[in-house]
N, C-alpha and C. Protein backbone atom coordinates (compact mmCIF):
# COMPACT_ATOMS: atom_id res chain seq x y z
N MET A 1 100.65 104.06 93.97
CA MET A 1 100.77 105.02 92.89
C MET A 1 100.59 104.29 91.56
N THR A 2 99.73 104.80 90.70
CA THR A 2 99.48 104.15 89.41
C THR A 2 100.67 104.34 88.50
N ASN A 3 100.70 103.48 87.46
CA ASN A 3 101.79 103.60 86.50
C ASN A 3 101.80 104.97 85.83
N PHE A 4 100.59 105.52 85.55
CA PHE A 4 100.52 106.84 84.92
C PHE A 4 101.16 107.88 85.82
N LYS A 5 100.84 107.84 87.12
CA LYS A 5 101.40 108.82 88.06
C LYS A 5 102.92 108.67 88.16
N LYS A 6 103.38 107.43 88.15
CA LYS A 6 104.83 107.20 88.23
C LYS A 6 105.54 107.80 87.02
N VAL A 7 104.97 107.56 85.84
CA VAL A 7 105.56 108.08 84.61
C VAL A 7 105.54 109.61 84.63
N PHE A 8 104.40 110.20 85.10
CA PHE A 8 104.28 111.66 85.16
C PHE A 8 105.32 112.26 86.10
N VAL A 9 105.45 111.68 87.29
CA VAL A 9 106.41 112.18 88.28
C VAL A 9 107.84 112.06 87.75
N PHE A 10 108.16 110.92 87.14
CA PHE A 10 109.49 110.73 86.59
C PHE A 10 109.77 111.74 85.47
N SER A 11 108.77 111.95 84.59
CA SER A 11 108.93 112.90 83.47
C SER A 11 109.14 114.31 83.99
N LEU A 12 108.35 114.69 85.01
CA LEU A 12 108.48 116.02 85.60
C LEU A 12 109.86 116.20 86.21
N PHE A 13 110.33 115.20 86.95
CA PHE A 13 111.65 115.26 87.56
C PHE A 13 112.74 115.39 86.49
N PHE A 14 112.59 114.63 85.41
CA PHE A 14 113.58 114.67 84.33
C PHE A 14 113.61 116.05 83.67
N MET A 15 112.42 116.63 83.42
CA MET A 15 112.37 117.96 82.78
C MET A 15 112.98 119.03 83.68
N LEU A 16 112.68 118.97 84.98
CA LEU A 16 113.24 119.95 85.91
C LEU A 16 114.75 119.80 86.02
N SER A 17 115.22 118.57 86.01
CA SER A 17 116.67 118.33 86.07
C SER A 17 117.35 118.88 84.83
N ALA A 18 116.73 118.67 83.67
CA ALA A 18 117.30 119.16 82.42
C ALA A 18 117.35 120.68 82.41
N CYS A 19 116.28 121.31 82.90
CA CYS A 19 116.25 122.78 82.95
C CYS A 19 117.33 123.30 83.88
N ALA A 20 117.54 122.63 84.99
CA ALA A 20 118.54 123.07 85.95
C ALA A 20 119.93 123.04 85.35
N GLU A 21 120.14 122.12 84.40
CA GLU A 21 121.46 122.02 83.79
C GLU A 21 121.66 123.01 82.65
N THR A 22 120.54 123.49 82.04
CA THR A 22 120.68 124.34 80.87
C THR A 22 120.30 125.79 81.12
N GLU A 23 119.77 126.12 82.28
CA GLU A 23 119.35 127.49 82.58
C GLU A 23 119.83 127.92 83.96
N PRO A 24 120.14 129.22 84.11
CA PRO A 24 120.45 129.71 85.46
C PRO A 24 119.19 129.64 86.32
N THR A 25 119.34 129.45 87.59
CA THR A 25 118.17 129.27 88.44
C THR A 25 118.00 130.33 89.51
N ARG A 26 119.01 131.13 89.77
CA ARG A 26 118.94 132.09 90.87
C ARG A 26 119.00 133.54 90.40
N LEU A 27 119.87 133.85 89.45
CA LEU A 27 120.02 135.22 88.97
C LEU A 27 119.10 135.47 87.78
N THR A 28 119.05 136.71 87.32
CA THR A 28 118.22 137.04 86.17
C THR A 28 118.97 136.75 84.88
N ASN A 29 118.34 135.99 84.01
CA ASN A 29 118.93 135.66 82.71
C ASN A 29 118.71 136.86 81.79
N ILE A 30 119.79 137.52 81.35
CA ILE A 30 119.67 138.70 80.49
C ILE A 30 120.25 138.43 79.10
N GLU A 31 120.38 137.17 78.76
CA GLU A 31 120.93 136.83 77.45
C GLU A 31 120.07 137.45 76.35
N GLY A 32 120.72 138.21 75.46
CA GLY A 32 120.02 138.84 74.35
C GLY A 32 119.34 140.15 74.69
N LEU A 33 119.38 140.56 75.96
CA LEU A 33 118.68 141.78 76.38
C LEU A 33 119.59 143.01 76.44
N LEU A 34 120.88 142.79 76.55
CA LEU A 34 121.84 143.90 76.61
C LEU A 34 122.91 143.70 75.55
N PRO A 35 123.55 144.78 75.10
CA PRO A 35 124.59 144.63 74.08
C PRO A 35 125.83 143.91 74.62
N GLU A 36 126.62 143.41 73.69
CA GLU A 36 127.87 142.75 74.06
C GLU A 36 128.80 143.76 74.73
N LEU A 37 129.79 143.21 75.43
CA LEU A 37 130.75 144.06 76.15
C LEU A 37 131.54 144.90 75.15
N SER A 38 131.49 146.21 75.32
CA SER A 38 132.23 147.10 74.43
C SER A 38 132.52 148.40 75.18
N PHE A 39 133.78 148.77 75.24
CA PHE A 39 134.16 150.02 75.89
C PHE A 39 135.59 150.39 75.54
N GLU A 40 135.92 151.64 75.78
CA GLU A 40 137.29 152.14 75.70
C GLU A 40 137.53 152.92 76.98
N LEU A 41 138.30 152.34 77.89
CA LEU A 41 138.52 152.93 79.20
C LEU A 41 140.01 152.91 79.54
N ILE A 42 140.34 153.41 80.72
CA ILE A 42 141.72 153.38 81.24
C ILE A 42 141.74 152.44 82.43
N ASP A 43 142.69 151.49 82.43
CA ASP A 43 142.73 150.55 83.56
C ASP A 43 143.56 151.14 84.71
N GLU A 44 143.61 150.39 85.79
CA GLU A 44 144.27 150.87 87.01
C GLU A 44 145.78 151.01 86.86
N ASN A 45 146.32 150.48 85.75
CA ASN A 45 147.75 150.66 85.46
C ASN A 45 147.98 151.79 84.47
N ASN A 46 146.93 152.58 84.23
CA ASN A 46 146.96 153.74 83.34
C ASN A 46 147.13 153.36 81.88
N ASN A 47 146.66 152.15 81.51
CA ASN A 47 146.70 151.70 80.13
C ASN A 47 145.33 151.84 79.49
N GLU A 48 145.29 152.21 78.21
CA GLU A 48 144.03 152.22 77.48
C GLU A 48 143.62 150.78 77.18
N VAL A 49 142.39 150.44 77.49
CA VAL A 49 141.89 149.08 77.28
C VAL A 49 140.51 149.15 76.63
N THR A 50 140.16 148.05 75.97
CA THR A 50 138.83 147.93 75.37
C THR A 50 138.19 146.64 75.86
N GLY A 51 136.92 146.47 75.58
CA GLY A 51 136.23 145.25 75.95
C GLY A 51 136.90 144.02 75.36
N LYS A 52 137.47 144.15 74.16
CA LYS A 52 138.12 143.01 73.50
C LYS A 52 139.31 142.48 74.29
N ASP A 53 139.94 143.36 75.08
CA ASP A 53 141.10 142.93 75.87
C ASP A 53 140.74 141.90 76.92
N TYR A 54 139.46 141.78 77.25
CA TYR A 54 139.05 140.88 78.32
C TYR A 54 138.28 139.66 77.82
N LEU A 55 138.17 139.52 76.49
CA LEU A 55 137.51 138.34 75.94
C LEU A 55 138.33 137.09 76.32
N GLY A 56 137.65 136.00 76.52
CA GLY A 56 138.31 134.77 76.95
C GLY A 56 138.15 134.53 78.44
N GLN A 57 137.73 135.55 79.17
CA GLN A 57 137.46 135.44 80.61
C GLN A 57 135.97 135.69 80.84
N THR A 58 135.40 135.04 81.82
CA THR A 58 134.06 135.39 82.28
C THR A 58 134.22 136.65 83.11
N LEU A 59 133.38 137.64 82.88
CA LEU A 59 133.55 138.94 83.51
C LEU A 59 132.33 139.33 84.35
N ILE A 60 132.61 139.87 85.51
CA ILE A 60 131.56 140.47 86.33
C ILE A 60 131.85 141.97 86.30
N VAL A 61 130.89 142.75 85.82
CA VAL A 61 131.06 144.19 85.68
C VAL A 61 130.21 144.90 86.72
N PHE A 62 130.87 145.77 87.48
CA PHE A 62 130.19 146.50 88.54
C PHE A 62 130.58 147.97 88.46
N PHE A 63 129.57 148.85 88.44
CA PHE A 63 129.81 150.29 88.41
C PHE A 63 129.76 150.82 89.84
N GLY A 64 130.83 151.47 90.28
CA GLY A 64 130.86 151.99 91.64
C GLY A 64 131.89 153.09 91.78
N PHE A 65 132.31 153.36 93.01
CA PHE A 65 133.36 154.37 93.24
C PHE A 65 134.04 154.07 94.57
N THR A 66 135.29 154.47 94.69
CA THR A 66 136.10 154.06 95.84
C THR A 66 135.68 154.71 97.15
N ASN A 67 135.02 155.87 97.10
CA ASN A 67 134.57 156.53 98.33
C ASN A 67 133.22 156.01 98.82
N CYS A 68 132.67 155.06 98.13
CA CYS A 68 131.37 154.48 98.49
C CYS A 68 131.48 153.81 99.86
N ALA A 69 130.54 154.14 100.73
CA ALA A 69 130.63 153.65 102.11
C ALA A 69 130.03 152.26 102.31
N GLU A 70 128.98 151.91 101.57
CA GLU A 70 128.28 150.65 101.87
C GLU A 70 128.11 149.74 100.66
N VAL A 71 127.44 150.24 99.61
CA VAL A 71 127.05 149.38 98.49
C VAL A 71 128.26 148.73 97.83
N CYS A 72 129.27 149.52 97.50
CA CYS A 72 130.44 148.98 96.79
C CYS A 72 131.26 147.99 97.62
N PRO A 73 131.64 148.34 98.86
CA PRO A 73 132.39 147.36 99.64
C PRO A 73 131.62 146.07 99.86
N SER A 74 130.32 146.18 100.09
CA SER A 74 129.49 144.99 100.30
C SER A 74 129.48 144.11 99.06
N ALA A 75 129.29 144.72 97.89
CA ALA A 75 129.28 143.95 96.64
C ALA A 75 130.64 143.34 96.35
N MET A 76 131.69 144.10 96.57
CA MET A 76 133.03 143.61 96.26
C MET A 76 133.45 142.46 97.19
N TYR A 77 133.13 142.59 98.47
CA TYR A 77 133.44 141.50 99.40
C TYR A 77 132.63 140.25 99.07
N LYS A 78 131.39 140.47 98.64
CA LYS A 78 130.55 139.33 98.24
C LYS A 78 131.17 138.61 97.05
N LEU A 79 131.60 139.38 96.07
CA LEU A 79 132.22 138.78 94.88
C LEU A 79 133.54 138.11 95.21
N ALA A 80 134.32 138.72 96.11
CA ALA A 80 135.57 138.09 96.55
C ALA A 80 135.28 136.74 97.21
N GLY A 81 134.20 136.68 98.00
CA GLY A 81 133.80 135.42 98.63
C GLY A 81 133.39 134.38 97.61
N VAL A 82 132.68 134.82 96.58
CA VAL A 82 132.27 133.90 95.50
C VAL A 82 133.50 133.32 94.82
N LEU A 83 134.46 134.17 94.49
CA LEU A 83 135.67 133.69 93.80
C LEU A 83 136.46 132.72 94.67
N LYS A 84 136.49 132.99 95.95
CA LYS A 84 137.19 132.08 96.87
C LYS A 84 136.53 130.71 96.87
N LYS A 85 135.20 130.69 96.87
CA LYS A 85 134.47 129.41 96.89
C LYS A 85 134.59 128.68 95.55
N LEU A 86 134.85 129.42 94.47
CA LEU A 86 135.00 128.78 93.16
C LEU A 86 136.28 127.96 93.06
N GLY A 87 137.24 128.26 93.90
CA GLY A 87 138.51 127.53 93.86
C GLY A 87 139.26 127.81 92.57
N THR A 88 139.75 126.77 91.91
CA THR A 88 140.56 126.96 90.70
C THR A 88 139.74 127.52 89.54
N GLU A 89 138.42 127.34 89.57
CA GLU A 89 137.58 127.89 88.51
C GLU A 89 137.63 129.42 88.49
N ALA A 90 137.98 130.02 89.62
CA ALA A 90 138.04 131.48 89.72
C ALA A 90 139.10 132.07 88.79
N GLU A 91 140.05 131.24 88.34
CA GLU A 91 141.07 131.73 87.42
C GLU A 91 140.47 132.15 86.08
N GLN A 92 139.23 131.73 85.82
CA GLN A 92 138.54 132.07 84.56
C GLN A 92 137.70 133.34 84.68
N VAL A 93 137.75 134.00 85.85
CA VAL A 93 136.85 135.12 86.13
C VAL A 93 137.64 136.38 86.49
N ASN A 94 137.20 137.51 85.93
CA ASN A 94 137.70 138.82 86.35
C ASN A 94 136.52 139.69 86.75
N VAL A 95 136.74 140.58 87.70
CA VAL A 95 135.74 141.55 88.11
C VAL A 95 136.22 142.91 87.65
N LEU A 96 135.44 143.57 86.79
CA LEU A 96 135.78 144.90 86.31
C LEU A 96 134.99 145.92 87.13
N PHE A 97 135.72 146.70 87.91
CA PHE A 97 135.12 147.73 88.75
C PHE A 97 135.25 149.06 88.01
N ILE A 98 134.14 149.54 87.44
CA ILE A 98 134.16 150.74 86.62
C ILE A 98 133.71 151.93 87.46
N SER A 99 134.59 152.90 87.59
CA SER A 99 134.30 154.04 88.46
C SER A 99 133.31 155.00 87.81
N VAL A 100 132.29 155.37 88.58
CA VAL A 100 131.35 156.41 88.16
C VAL A 100 131.74 157.75 88.77
N ASP A 101 132.94 157.80 89.36
CA ASP A 101 133.45 159.02 89.97
C ASP A 101 134.88 159.27 89.48
N PRO A 102 135.03 159.45 88.15
CA PRO A 102 136.39 159.57 87.60
C PRO A 102 137.14 160.80 88.08
N LYS A 103 136.43 161.80 88.56
CA LYS A 103 137.10 163.00 89.07
C LYS A 103 138.02 162.67 90.24
N ARG A 104 137.56 161.77 91.13
CA ARG A 104 138.36 161.41 92.31
C ARG A 104 139.07 160.07 92.16
N ASP A 105 138.53 159.19 91.33
CA ASP A 105 139.11 157.84 91.22
C ASP A 105 140.17 157.78 90.13
N THR A 106 141.38 158.12 90.51
CA THR A 106 142.51 158.01 89.58
C THR A 106 142.87 156.53 89.42
N PRO A 107 143.60 156.18 88.37
CA PRO A 107 144.03 154.79 88.23
C PRO A 107 144.76 154.26 89.47
N LYS A 108 145.63 155.09 90.04
CA LYS A 108 146.39 154.65 91.23
C LYS A 108 145.46 154.38 92.41
N LYS A 109 144.47 155.24 92.60
CA LYS A 109 143.51 155.05 93.69
C LYS A 109 142.67 153.80 93.46
N LEU A 110 142.29 153.57 92.21
CA LEU A 110 141.53 152.37 91.88
C LEU A 110 142.35 151.11 92.16
N GLN A 111 143.63 151.15 91.83
CA GLN A 111 144.48 149.99 92.06
C GLN A 111 144.59 149.67 93.55
N ARG A 112 144.76 150.69 94.36
CA ARG A 112 144.82 150.46 95.82
C ARG A 112 143.51 149.85 96.31
N TYR A 113 142.41 150.30 95.75
CA TYR A 113 141.09 149.80 96.16
C TYR A 113 140.89 148.35 95.74
N THR A 114 141.15 148.04 94.47
CA THR A 114 140.89 146.68 93.99
C THR A 114 141.87 145.67 94.56
N ASP A 115 143.09 146.11 94.89
CA ASP A 115 144.08 145.20 95.48
C ASP A 115 143.58 144.57 96.79
N VAL A 116 142.71 145.27 97.48
CA VAL A 116 142.15 144.76 98.74
C VAL A 116 141.37 143.47 98.50
N PHE A 117 140.74 143.37 97.32
CA PHE A 117 139.84 142.25 97.06
C PHE A 117 140.50 141.10 96.32
N GLY A 118 141.63 141.32 95.69
CA GLY A 118 142.34 140.24 95.04
C GLY A 118 142.73 140.55 93.61
N PRO A 119 143.59 139.71 93.02
CA PRO A 119 144.12 139.98 91.68
C PRO A 119 143.09 139.89 90.56
N ALA A 120 141.95 139.27 90.80
CA ALA A 120 140.92 139.17 89.77
C ALA A 120 140.15 140.47 89.59
N PHE A 121 140.33 141.41 90.52
CA PHE A 121 139.60 142.67 90.49
C PHE A 121 140.42 143.74 89.78
N ILE A 122 139.80 144.38 88.79
CA ILE A 122 140.50 145.37 87.96
C ILE A 122 139.69 146.66 87.95
N GLY A 123 140.33 147.75 88.31
CA GLY A 123 139.68 149.06 88.29
C GLY A 123 139.78 149.71 86.93
N LEU A 124 138.69 150.33 86.48
CA LEU A 124 138.66 151.02 85.20
C LEU A 124 138.05 152.40 85.37
N THR A 125 138.55 153.36 84.60
CA THR A 125 138.03 154.72 84.67
C THR A 125 138.14 155.35 83.28
N ALA A 126 137.65 156.57 83.17
CA ALA A 126 137.73 157.31 81.91
C ALA A 126 137.19 158.70 82.17
N LYS A 127 137.20 159.53 81.14
CA LYS A 127 136.56 160.82 81.26
C LYS A 127 135.08 160.60 81.53
N ASN A 128 134.49 161.52 82.25
CA ASN A 128 133.10 161.39 82.68
C ASN A 128 132.16 161.04 81.53
N GLU A 129 132.36 161.64 80.37
CA GLU A 129 131.46 161.43 79.24
C GLU A 129 131.50 159.98 78.76
N LEU A 130 132.68 159.38 78.75
CA LEU A 130 132.81 157.98 78.32
C LEU A 130 132.13 157.04 79.31
N VAL A 131 132.26 157.33 80.60
CA VAL A 131 131.60 156.52 81.62
C VAL A 131 130.08 156.64 81.47
N LYS A 132 129.60 157.85 81.19
CA LYS A 132 128.16 158.05 80.99
C LYS A 132 127.66 157.26 79.79
N GLN A 133 128.45 157.25 78.71
CA GLN A 133 128.06 156.50 77.52
C GLN A 133 127.95 155.00 77.82
N MET A 134 128.93 154.50 78.57
CA MET A 134 128.90 153.08 78.89
C MET A 134 127.74 152.76 79.83
N SER A 135 127.48 153.64 80.80
CA SER A 135 126.38 153.38 81.73
C SER A 135 125.04 153.37 80.99
N LYS A 136 124.90 154.22 79.99
CA LYS A 136 123.66 154.21 79.19
C LYS A 136 123.55 152.90 78.41
N ARG A 137 124.68 152.46 77.90
CA ARG A 137 124.69 151.22 77.11
C ARG A 137 124.16 150.04 77.93
N TYR A 138 124.49 150.03 79.22
CA TYR A 138 124.06 148.91 80.07
C TYR A 138 122.98 149.30 81.08
N ARG A 139 122.34 150.45 80.82
CA ARG A 139 121.18 150.89 81.60
C ARG A 139 121.48 151.05 83.09
N VAL A 140 122.63 151.61 83.36
CA VAL A 140 123.05 151.87 84.74
C VAL A 140 122.84 153.35 85.03
N THR A 141 122.30 153.65 86.20
CA THR A 141 122.08 155.05 86.56
C THR A 141 123.04 155.47 87.68
N PHE A 142 123.47 156.73 87.61
CA PHE A 142 124.24 157.31 88.71
C PHE A 142 124.10 158.82 88.65
N GLY A 143 124.36 159.45 89.78
CA GLY A 143 124.26 160.90 89.85
C GLY A 143 125.09 161.43 91.00
N TYR A 144 125.34 162.74 90.97
CA TYR A 144 126.19 163.37 91.97
C TYR A 144 125.38 164.32 92.85
N GLY A 145 125.67 164.30 94.13
CA GLY A 145 125.06 165.25 95.06
C GLY A 145 125.84 166.55 95.08
N ASP A 146 125.33 167.52 95.81
CA ASP A 146 126.01 168.81 95.92
C ASP A 146 127.28 168.66 96.77
N ALA A 147 128.32 169.36 96.35
CA ALA A 147 129.59 169.32 97.09
C ALA A 147 129.49 170.20 98.33
N ASP A 148 130.14 169.75 99.41
CA ASP A 148 130.18 170.56 100.63
C ASP A 148 131.32 171.58 100.52
N ASP A 149 131.56 172.30 101.59
CA ASP A 149 132.59 173.36 101.58
C ASP A 149 133.99 172.83 101.29
N GLU A 150 134.21 171.55 101.59
CA GLU A 150 135.53 170.95 101.37
C GLU A 150 135.61 170.21 100.03
N GLY A 151 134.55 170.30 99.23
CA GLY A 151 134.56 169.65 97.92
C GLY A 151 134.12 168.21 97.92
N ASN A 152 133.68 167.69 99.06
CA ASN A 152 133.20 166.31 99.13
C ASN A 152 131.76 166.23 98.63
N TYR A 153 131.42 165.15 97.97
CA TYR A 153 130.07 164.97 97.47
C TYR A 153 129.71 163.49 97.45
N GLU A 154 128.43 163.21 97.46
CA GLU A 154 127.94 161.84 97.41
C GLU A 154 127.67 161.46 95.96
N VAL A 155 127.78 160.17 95.68
CA VAL A 155 127.45 159.65 94.36
C VAL A 155 126.41 158.55 94.55
N SER A 156 125.26 158.73 93.93
CA SER A 156 124.25 157.67 93.98
C SER A 156 124.41 156.81 92.73
N HIS A 157 124.25 155.51 92.90
CA HIS A 157 124.41 154.61 91.75
C HIS A 157 123.67 153.30 92.02
N SER A 158 123.36 152.61 90.94
CA SER A 158 122.70 151.32 91.08
C SER A 158 123.72 150.26 91.50
N GLY A 159 123.22 149.19 92.09
CA GLY A 159 124.12 148.14 92.59
C GLY A 159 124.11 146.88 91.74
N ALA A 160 123.75 147.00 90.47
CA ALA A 160 123.68 145.83 89.60
C ALA A 160 125.07 145.29 89.27
N MET A 161 125.14 143.97 89.15
CA MET A 161 126.38 143.29 88.75
C MET A 161 126.06 142.49 87.48
N PHE A 162 126.71 142.84 86.40
CA PHE A 162 126.47 142.20 85.12
C PHE A 162 127.52 141.12 84.87
N ILE A 163 127.07 139.95 84.48
CA ILE A 163 128.01 138.86 84.22
C ILE A 163 128.00 138.55 82.73
N PHE A 164 129.19 138.65 82.13
CA PHE A 164 129.38 138.41 80.70
C PHE A 164 130.14 137.10 80.51
N ASP A 165 129.78 136.37 79.45
CA ASP A 165 130.50 135.13 79.18
C ASP A 165 131.82 135.42 78.48
N LYS A 166 132.56 134.37 78.15
CA LYS A 166 133.90 134.53 77.58
C LYS A 166 133.91 135.20 76.21
N LEU A 167 132.75 135.20 75.56
CA LEU A 167 132.63 135.84 74.25
C LEU A 167 132.17 137.28 74.36
N GLY A 168 131.99 137.77 75.58
CA GLY A 168 131.58 139.15 75.79
C GLY A 168 130.09 139.38 75.73
N ARG A 169 129.29 138.30 75.84
CA ARG A 169 127.83 138.45 75.79
C ARG A 169 127.28 138.59 77.20
N ALA A 170 126.36 139.53 77.39
CA ALA A 170 125.71 139.71 78.69
C ALA A 170 124.82 138.49 78.95
N ARG A 171 125.01 137.84 80.09
CA ARG A 171 124.28 136.60 80.36
C ARG A 171 123.45 136.65 81.64
N LEU A 172 124.01 137.22 82.72
CA LEU A 172 123.33 137.18 84.01
C LEU A 172 123.38 138.53 84.69
N LEU A 173 122.36 138.78 85.50
CA LEU A 173 122.30 140.01 86.29
C LEU A 173 122.11 139.64 87.75
N ALA A 174 123.02 140.12 88.59
CA ALA A 174 122.89 139.96 90.05
C ALA A 174 122.59 141.33 90.63
N THR A 175 121.89 141.36 91.75
CA THR A 175 121.57 142.62 92.42
C THR A 175 122.14 142.58 93.83
N GLN A 176 121.95 143.67 94.55
CA GLN A 176 122.42 143.73 95.93
C GLN A 176 121.77 142.66 96.80
N SER A 177 120.55 142.27 96.43
CA SER A 177 119.85 141.26 97.23
C SER A 177 120.26 139.83 96.87
N SER A 178 121.02 139.65 95.78
CA SER A 178 121.49 138.31 95.41
C SER A 178 122.50 137.84 96.45
N SER A 179 122.30 136.64 96.96
CA SER A 179 123.22 136.11 97.97
C SER A 179 124.49 135.59 97.30
N MET A 180 125.49 135.37 98.11
CA MET A 180 126.73 134.79 97.62
C MET A 180 126.46 133.43 96.98
N GLU A 181 125.56 132.66 97.61
CA GLU A 181 125.23 131.33 97.09
C GLU A 181 124.54 131.43 95.74
N ASP A 182 123.65 132.43 95.58
CA ASP A 182 122.96 132.62 94.30
C ASP A 182 123.97 132.88 93.20
N ILE A 183 124.88 133.81 93.46
CA ILE A 183 125.88 134.18 92.45
C ILE A 183 126.80 133.00 92.16
N LEU A 184 127.22 132.32 93.19
CA LEU A 184 128.11 131.17 93.03
C LEU A 184 127.47 130.09 92.17
N LEU A 185 126.23 129.77 92.45
CA LEU A 185 125.54 128.70 91.73
C LEU A 185 125.45 129.00 90.24
N ASP A 186 124.97 130.21 89.90
CA ASP A 186 124.77 130.51 88.49
C ASP A 186 126.07 130.86 87.77
N LEU A 187 127.04 131.40 88.49
CA LEU A 187 128.34 131.65 87.88
C LEU A 187 129.02 130.32 87.55
N ARG A 188 128.90 129.38 88.43
CA ARG A 188 129.47 128.04 88.17
C ARG A 188 128.76 127.39 86.98
N TRP A 189 127.44 127.59 86.91
CA TRP A 189 126.68 127.07 85.75
C TRP A 189 127.23 127.68 84.47
N LEU A 190 127.45 129.01 84.48
CA LEU A 190 127.94 129.68 83.27
C LEU A 190 129.34 129.21 82.89
N LEU A 191 130.19 129.05 83.88
CA LEU A 191 131.56 128.60 83.61
C LEU A 191 131.59 127.21 82.99
N ASN A 192 130.62 126.39 83.34
CA ASN A 192 130.59 125.01 82.84
C ASN A 192 129.67 124.80 81.66
N SER A 193 129.00 125.88 81.21
CA SER A 193 128.09 125.73 80.08
C SER A 193 128.86 125.94 78.78
N LYS A 194 128.31 125.42 77.71
CA LYS A 194 128.93 125.59 76.39
C LYS A 194 128.43 126.92 75.84
N VAL A 195 129.36 127.85 75.63
CA VAL A 195 128.96 129.17 75.13
C VAL A 195 128.97 129.22 73.62
C-alpha cells in the first residue's frame, strides 16, 4: 500500500470515527425540524403538567392508548428493554405515554398501564381538543373507528417515538421498525452528548 493510500485510509477512518461520535447513526435526526416540547396535559396522578415540568430529563414521547392490542405494547416493551440495558443511565430518561383516547383513558387507567413498564413511564391525557393540538404540533396522526353496539371502537395511530433532549428540543425519531439496539445506541449517544 502506498503512503498516499495509507494516509487516505487513515483520514477516512478518522472522519468516520468523528462522525460516529457527533451524530446519531441509527435513528432519524430531527434536530431543528420539530418544535420544542410544549404542552398542558393531565398526568396519571391527575395533576396538571406542562412540558417545562419535564425539562432536565431526556424524554421519549409516544402517542398511544391503553386498549391498543399490538403497536403500543410492542413499543412500550421495547422501550422498557432499552431502559433496562441503559443501566444507571436510565435514571436520566422518562417515557411520556400520551393517550390519543382520552374518553377511555382516565388518569387512573393510564397509571395502571404505565406501572407495568416501570417508574420511568408516565401516562398523560387531556381533553380531546388539547391532544389533537399536540398531535398536530408533532405531526402525529390518529383517528377513531365506528363504535360497535357495546360502545367499543378502534383507534388508529402512528407508531413514532420522539426523543427530546434535556432542554426539551426534539432530537431523534424512532419508528416501529427501529430495533431495541438502534434506540439504545442513539439514546446513549444523546445522553452522553453535550446539549
